[in-house]
Protein backbone atom coordinates (compact mmCIF):
# COMPACT_ATOMS: atom_id res chain seq x y z
CA MET A 1 -60.51 244.75 74.84
CA ALA A 2 -58.93 244.23 78.23
CA ALA A 3 -55.54 243.62 76.61
CA VAL A 4 -55.82 246.88 74.64
CA THR A 5 -56.73 248.79 77.81
CA LEU A 6 -53.79 247.29 79.70
CA GLN A 7 -51.42 248.18 76.87
CA TRP A 8 -52.72 251.74 76.84
CA HIS A 9 -52.15 252.09 80.59
CA CYS A 10 -48.60 250.78 80.20
CA LEU A 11 -47.84 253.26 77.42
CA GLU A 12 -49.33 256.09 79.45
CA ARG A 13 -47.24 255.16 82.48
CA CYS A 14 -44.07 255.07 80.38
CA ARG A 15 -44.92 258.50 78.96
CA ARG A 16 -45.30 259.93 82.45
CA TRP A 17 -41.94 258.50 83.53
CA SER A 18 -40.39 261.77 84.71
CA SER A 19 -36.77 262.81 84.92
CA THR A 20 -37.11 262.75 88.72
CA ASP A 21 -37.97 259.05 88.66
CA GLN A 22 -35.02 258.38 86.38
CA SER A 23 -32.72 260.31 88.70
CA MET A 24 -33.93 258.37 91.72
CA LEU A 25 -33.35 255.08 89.92
CA ALA A 26 -29.86 256.15 88.86
CA LEU A 27 -29.06 257.24 92.42
CA THR A 28 -30.26 253.91 93.81
CA LEU A 29 -28.14 251.93 91.35
CA TRP A 30 -25.14 254.14 92.08
CA GLN A 31 -25.50 253.59 95.83
CA LEU A 32 -25.74 249.82 95.38
CA ALA A 33 -22.70 249.76 93.10
CA HIS A 34 -20.65 251.79 95.60
CA ASN A 35 -21.73 249.87 98.70
CA LEU A 36 -18.37 248.41 99.73
CA PRO A 37 -19.58 245.59 102.04
CA LEU A 38 -22.15 244.46 99.46
CA SER A 39 -19.72 244.50 96.53
CA VAL A 40 -16.98 242.74 98.53
CA ALA A 41 -19.31 239.99 99.75
CA VAL A 42 -20.81 239.34 96.32
CA THR A 43 -17.38 239.32 94.66
CA CYS A 44 -16.05 236.78 97.17
CA ALA A 45 -19.07 234.53 96.60
CA VAL A 46 -18.74 234.71 92.81
CA VAL A 47 -15.01 233.92 92.91
CA ALA A 48 -15.67 230.97 95.23
CA GLN A 49 -18.33 229.58 92.89
CA LEU A 50 -15.96 229.87 89.92
CA ALA A 51 -13.20 228.20 91.92
CA LYS A 52 -15.41 225.13 92.39
CA VAL A 53 -15.05 224.32 88.69
CA PHE A 54 -11.26 224.11 89.01
CA THR A 55 -11.22 222.24 92.32
CA HIS A 56 -13.67 219.72 90.87
CA TYR A 57 -11.42 219.25 87.86
CA HIS A 58 -8.45 218.71 90.18
CA VAL A 59 -10.31 215.84 91.89
CA ALA A 60 -12.39 214.30 89.09
CA ARG A 61 -10.31 215.31 86.04
CA GLU A 62 -13.40 216.62 84.25
CA TRP A 63 -14.75 220.10 83.60
CA ASP A 64 -18.20 220.57 85.08
CA TRP A 65 -19.38 224.16 84.68
CA ARG A 66 -22.60 223.33 86.48
CA ARG A 67 -20.57 223.71 89.67
CA VAL A 68 -20.85 227.46 89.22
CA LEU A 69 -24.56 227.28 90.06
CA THR A 70 -24.60 224.46 92.60
CA SER A 71 -24.09 224.34 96.36
CA GLY A 72 -21.49 222.23 98.13
CA GLY A 73 -17.95 221.64 97.00
CA MET A 74 -14.60 223.32 97.55
CA PRO A 75 -14.50 226.12 98.62
CA SER A 76 -17.68 227.14 100.42
CA SER A 77 -19.12 230.20 98.71
CA HIS A 78 -21.35 230.87 101.72
CA ALA A 79 -18.29 231.06 103.98
CA ALA A 80 -16.52 233.28 101.48
CA LEU A 81 -19.53 235.60 101.23
CA VAL A 82 -20.08 236.11 104.96
CA ASN A 83 -16.37 236.46 105.77
CA GLY A 84 -15.92 238.98 102.99
CA LEU A 85 -18.86 240.86 104.50
CA VAL A 86 -17.29 240.72 107.96
CA CYS A 87 -13.98 242.00 106.60
CA ALA A 88 -15.57 244.94 104.79
CA VAL A 89 -17.87 245.93 107.67
CA GLY A 90 -15.00 245.66 110.17
CA SER A 91 -12.81 247.92 108.05
CA GLN A 92 -15.51 250.56 107.73
CA GLN A 93 -17.27 250.45 111.09
CA GLY A 94 -14.46 249.23 113.35
CA LEU A 95 -14.12 246.00 115.30
CA GLY A 96 -15.81 247.58 118.30
CA SER A 97 -18.99 248.53 116.47
CA ASP A 98 -22.37 246.92 116.99
CA LEU A 99 -22.74 246.22 113.26
CA PHE A 100 -19.48 244.27 113.20
CA ALA A 101 -20.74 242.12 116.08
CA VAL A 102 -23.97 241.39 114.19
CA VAL A 103 -22.28 240.33 110.96
CA ALA A 104 -19.63 238.32 112.84
CA ILE A 105 -22.28 236.28 114.68
CA PHE A 106 -24.18 235.91 111.41
CA ALA A 107 -21.04 234.55 109.74
CA LEU A 108 -20.46 232.03 112.54
CA VAL A 109 -24.04 230.77 112.27
CA VAL A 110 -23.80 230.39 108.48
CA MET A 111 -20.51 228.47 108.68
CA TYR A 112 -21.76 226.24 111.49
CA ASP A 113 -24.91 225.47 109.52
CA ALA A 114 -22.90 224.68 106.36
CA GLN A 115 -20.68 222.09 108.04
CA GLY A 116 -23.35 220.80 110.40
CA VAL A 117 -27.02 220.86 109.46
CA ARG A 118 -26.57 221.10 105.67
CA LEU A 119 -23.80 218.50 105.57
CA HIS A 120 -25.85 215.92 107.47
CA ALA A 121 -28.98 216.82 105.49
CA GLY A 122 -27.09 215.89 102.33
CA ARG A 123 -25.96 212.59 103.83
CA GLN A 124 -29.52 211.80 104.89
CA ALA A 125 -30.70 212.60 101.36
CA ALA A 126 -28.21 210.06 99.98
CA VAL A 127 -29.59 207.39 102.30
CA LEU A 128 -33.18 208.24 101.35
CA ASN A 129 -32.31 208.09 97.65
CA ALA A 130 -30.87 204.61 98.16
CA LEU A 131 -33.98 203.47 100.03
CA VAL A 132 -36.33 204.90 97.39
CA ALA A 133 -34.33 203.20 94.63
CA ASP A 134 -35.21 199.81 96.14
CA LEU A 135 -38.96 200.46 96.15
CA PRO A 136 -41.09 198.46 93.70
CA VAL A 137 -42.04 200.08 90.41
CA GLU A 138 -45.70 200.44 91.37
CA HIS A 139 -44.86 202.45 94.50
CA PRO A 140 -45.70 206.17 94.01
CA ALA A 141 -42.36 207.25 95.50
CA SER A 142 -40.30 204.88 93.38
CA THR A 143 -37.74 206.39 91.01
CA ARG A 144 -37.78 203.25 88.87
CA ARG A 145 -40.18 202.91 85.99
CA ALA A 146 -41.40 200.15 83.76
CA PRO A 147 -39.33 199.28 80.67
CA GLY A 148 -39.55 202.04 78.10
CA GLU A 149 -40.46 204.75 80.62
CA LEU A 150 -38.05 207.44 81.72
CA PRO A 151 -37.16 207.57 85.44
CA GLN A 152 -38.50 210.47 87.43
CA SER A 153 -35.26 212.19 88.38
CA SER A 154 -37.25 214.94 90.10
CA LEU A 155 -37.84 212.54 92.99
CA GLN A 156 -34.10 212.37 93.65
CA LEU A 157 -33.07 214.47 96.63
CA ALA A 158 -30.06 216.76 96.34
CA THR A 159 -27.10 215.34 98.28
CA ASN A 160 -24.33 217.86 97.64
CA ILE A 161 -25.72 220.71 99.74
CA GLY A 162 -23.33 220.90 102.69
CA HIS A 163 -19.62 221.38 103.27
CA THR A 164 -16.82 219.70 105.15
CA ARG A 165 -14.72 221.65 107.62
CA SER A 166 -11.89 222.02 105.13
CA GLN A 167 -14.28 223.44 102.52
CA VAL A 168 -15.67 225.95 105.02
CA ALA A 169 -12.17 226.90 106.16
CA ALA A 170 -11.07 227.42 102.55
CA GLY A 171 -14.10 229.61 101.88
CA ALA A 172 -13.44 231.65 105.02
CA ALA A 173 -9.80 232.14 104.06
CA LEU A 174 -10.85 233.22 100.57
CA GLY A 175 -13.33 235.71 102.03
CA TRP A 176 -10.75 237.30 104.31
CA LEU A 177 -7.91 237.38 101.77
CA LEU A 178 -9.93 238.60 98.80
CA GLY A 179 -12.11 240.82 100.97
CA GLY A 180 -9.06 242.41 102.56
CA ALA A 181 -7.48 242.99 99.16
CA LEU A 182 -10.65 244.66 97.87
CA VAL A 183 -10.93 246.83 100.96
CA ILE A 184 -7.30 247.93 100.65
CA ALA A 185 -7.76 248.61 96.94
CA SER A 186 -10.84 250.73 97.58
CA GLY A 187 -9.04 252.67 100.31
CA SER A 188 -5.97 253.31 98.19
CA SER A 189 -8.13 254.63 95.35
CA GLY A 190 -9.93 257.02 97.66
CA ALA A 191 -13.22 255.07 97.59
CA GLY A 192 -12.88 253.56 101.05
CA GLY A 193 -15.19 256.14 102.54
CA VAL A 194 -18.19 255.29 100.39
CA GLY A 195 -21.16 254.74 102.62
CA GLY A 196 -19.20 255.78 105.70
CA GLU A 197 -16.01 257.76 106.36
CA GLY A 198 -14.50 259.84 103.57
CA GLY A 199 -10.93 260.27 102.44
CA GLY A 200 -9.68 256.69 102.68
CA ALA A 201 -10.25 253.56 104.68
CA SER A 202 -11.80 253.81 108.12
CA PRO A 203 -9.74 252.91 111.20
CA VAL A 204 -10.26 249.24 111.94
CA PHE A 205 -10.02 249.48 115.71
CA ARG A 206 -12.41 252.40 116.11
CA SER A 207 -14.66 251.76 119.10
CA SER A 208 -18.43 252.18 119.09
CA THR A 209 -18.20 254.34 122.25
CA PRO A 210 -16.81 257.90 122.28
């Protein structure tokens, strides 16, 4: 009975879905799609993740498409994302704006964390995995099991979670180069003013003070 009542309420809510609600949803999706800093940052991150497949093949001579969904590796997608964001915000708001200062500091923190805290956390995880592997089978934290039993791989800690300086630098370069190209392309097509100034790209060196 409860399931029938819930289904009735769902059908009634769908019936009352007005054209105003649909218009608001369409407007929200349109604004997200035309948000230049958001689209530039996400595009840079996606391209960096795809590039990891090819850089891994260059080193290991094997295709591993799981790299698209994993952290670590060359280049850093986090660095590409935040630098693409910085590039887009700087082009729209100006290098003297408060928002540019916020995203620039944010980018520095993310890159420092990637090559510092996350890198050493991955190295510590590798050491812990080696220590746990030497534990006796009866130990609750042991990854080894008796003959015929499958090992509990869920107890293995992720080790490839950080980045080296070269990986962060490559991600930052990708973010600035690709981000700059996308910003220029949006300005040349007349879309550079979306979410800010109209009629082309905003002046980069516009100050936040009058």
